[in-house]
Amino acid sequence: QVQLVESGGGLVQPGGSLRLSCAASGSIGSMYSMGWYRQAPGNERELVATMTNGGNTNYADSVKGRFTIFRDNAKYTVSLQMASLKPEDTAVYYCNARTYLFTSWGRGTQVTVSS
């Protein structure tokens, strides 16, 4: 089991920036990937960005060039730097960690992009 705690959500104006962070604990030795997903009202949860232990990244097309994912393997954290935010980025953002046997989720943090 992996426990995940997110931080950094909040209200930001369109065009602004925000950084989310997630700290992992528990069975951290079994993780091979960490990342972020989001769920907007009326939509299913979708991938935002992930990074493997080896540094390979995967971004949703809608956030490429605007969002950047970072991992600190020594401290078992993952961060998401979000720039040029749009109202359609409004969602609950969930930290994710994957092992070969299961996936773990944080409680989620609200990001609202509005004037």
Protein backbone atom coordinates (compact mmCIF):
# COMPACT_ATOMS: atom_id res chain seq x y z
CA GLN A 1 0.00 0.00 0.00
CA VAL A 2 1.09 3.52 -0.85
CA GLN A 3 -0.29 6.55 0.96
CA LEU A 4 -0.44 9.82 -1.00
CA VAL A 5 -1.01 13.35 0.29
CA GLU A 6 -1.60 16.23 -2.13
CA SER A 7 -1.16 19.95 -1.54
CA GLY A 8 -1.17 23.19 -3.52
CA GLY A 9 -4.67 23.43 -4.95
CA GLY A 10 -6.64 26.64 -4.95
CA LEU A 11 -8.23 29.42 -6.98
CA VAL A 12 -6.27 31.05 -9.79
CA GLN A 13 -7.13 33.45 -12.62
CA PRO A 14 -6.95 32.38 -16.28
CA GLY A 15 -3.38 32.61 -17.53
CA GLY A 16 -1.99 32.13 -14.06
CA SER A 17 0.20 29.42 -12.59
CA LEU A 18 -0.11 26.91 -9.80
CA ARG A 19 2.06 24.10 -8.45
CA LEU A 20 0.72 20.88 -6.96
CA SER A 21 2.78 18.54 -4.80
CA CYS A 22 2.29 15.00 -3.57
CA ALA A 23 4.20 13.05 -0.94
CA ALA A 24 4.22 9.25 -0.91
CA SER A 25 4.74 6.87 1.98
CA GLY A 26 4.21 3.18 2.69
CA SER A 27 5.29 0.57 0.14
CA ILE A 28 7.29 3.11 -1.81
CA GLY A 29 9.87 0.57 -2.91
CA SER A 30 7.34 -1.07 -5.22
CA MET A 31 6.36 2.06 -7.15
CA TYR A 32 7.35 2.34 -10.79
CA SER A 33 5.27 5.39 -11.77
CA MET A 34 3.76 8.48 -10.17
CA GLY A 35 1.56 11.13 -11.67
CA TRP A 36 -1.56 13.22 -11.72
CA TYR A 37 -5.11 12.67 -12.90
CA ARG A 38 -8.07 15.03 -12.78
CA GLN A 39 -11.83 14.87 -12.76
CA ALA A 40 -14.02 17.80 -13.78
CA PRO A 41 -17.75 18.03 -13.06
CA GLY A 42 -19.66 15.79 -15.46
CA ASN A 43 -16.51 14.09 -16.74
CA GLU A 44 -14.63 10.88 -16.03
CA ARG A 45 -11.24 10.93 -14.37
CA GLU A 46 -8.51 11.48 -16.95
CA LEU A 47 -4.75 11.32 -17.10
CA VAL A 48 -2.88 14.62 -16.82
CA ALA A 49 0.77 13.61 -16.55
CA THR A 50 2.84 10.67 -15.33
CA MET A 51 6.52 9.93 -14.85
CA THR A 52 8.21 6.56 -14.40
CA ASN A 53 11.12 5.89 -12.07
CA GLY A 54 13.39 6.13 -15.10
CA GLY A 55 12.14 9.60 -16.02
CA ASN A 56 9.85 8.78 -18.93
CA THR A 57 6.87 11.15 -19.08
CA ASN A 58 3.39 11.00 -20.51
CA TYR A 59 1.17 14.08 -20.87
CA ALA A 60 -2.39 14.59 -21.95
CA ASP A 61 -2.54 16.45 -25.25
CA SER A 62 -4.58 19.19 -23.61
CA VAL A 63 -1.77 20.12 -21.20
CA LYS A 64 1.37 19.61 -23.30
CA GLY A 65 3.52 22.72 -23.30
CA ARG A 66 1.71 24.16 -20.28
CA PHE A 67 2.16 21.60 -17.50
CA THR A 68 5.41 20.04 -16.31
CA ILE A 69 5.73 17.03 -14.03
CA PHE A 70 8.68 16.61 -11.65
CA ARG A 71 9.71 13.76 -9.39
CA ASP A 72 12.15 13.65 -6.53
CA ASN A 73 12.91 9.96 -6.16
CA ALA A 74 15.04 10.52 -3.07
CA LYS A 75 12.09 12.06 -1.22
CA TYR A 76 9.36 10.10 -3.06
CA THR A 77 7.43 13.17 -4.13
CA VAL A 78 5.85 14.26 -7.39
CA SER A 79 4.94 17.81 -8.38
CA LEU A 80 2.95 19.35 -11.20
CA GLN A 81 3.82 22.85 -12.36
CA MET A 82 0.81 24.30 -14.16
CA ALA A 83 1.10 27.42 -16.31
CA SER A 84 -1.17 29.31 -18.70
CA LEU A 85 -4.14 27.90 -16.85
CA LYS A 86 -7.52 27.82 -18.56
CA PRO A 87 -11.03 27.56 -17.12
CA GLU A 88 -11.26 24.07 -18.62
CA ASP A 89 -8.41 23.02 -16.32
CA THR A 90 -10.82 23.36 -13.40
CA ALA A 91 -11.07 19.96 -11.71
CA VAL A 92 -10.18 17.90 -8.69
CA TYR A 93 -6.59 16.77 -9.19
CA TYR A 94 -5.57 13.38 -7.81
CA CYS A 95 -2.08 12.12 -7.13
CA ASN A 96 -1.46 8.60 -8.40
CA ALA A 97 1.15 5.95 -7.72
CA ARG A 98 1.40 2.62 -9.52
CA THR A 99 3.02 -0.68 -8.72
CA TYR A 100 2.89 -3.82 -10.83
CA LEU A 101 0.02 -5.10 -8.68
CA PHE A 102 -2.11 -2.09 -7.70
CA THR A 103 -2.66 1.63 -8.02
CA SER A 104 -3.02 4.15 -5.19
CA TRP A 105 -4.81 7.49 -5.08
CA GLY A 106 -4.65 10.60 -2.97
CA ARG A 107 -7.73 12.32 -1.62
CA GLY A 108 -7.62 15.00 -4.31
CA THR A 109 -7.12 18.77 -4.32
CA GLN A 110 -9.42 21.29 -5.99
CA VAL A 111 -8.06 23.56 -8.72
CA THR A 112 -10.39 26.31 -9.89
CA VAL A 113 -9.47 28.61 -12.78
CA SER A 114 -11.83 31.56 -12.91
CA SER A 115 -11.94 35.33 -13.20
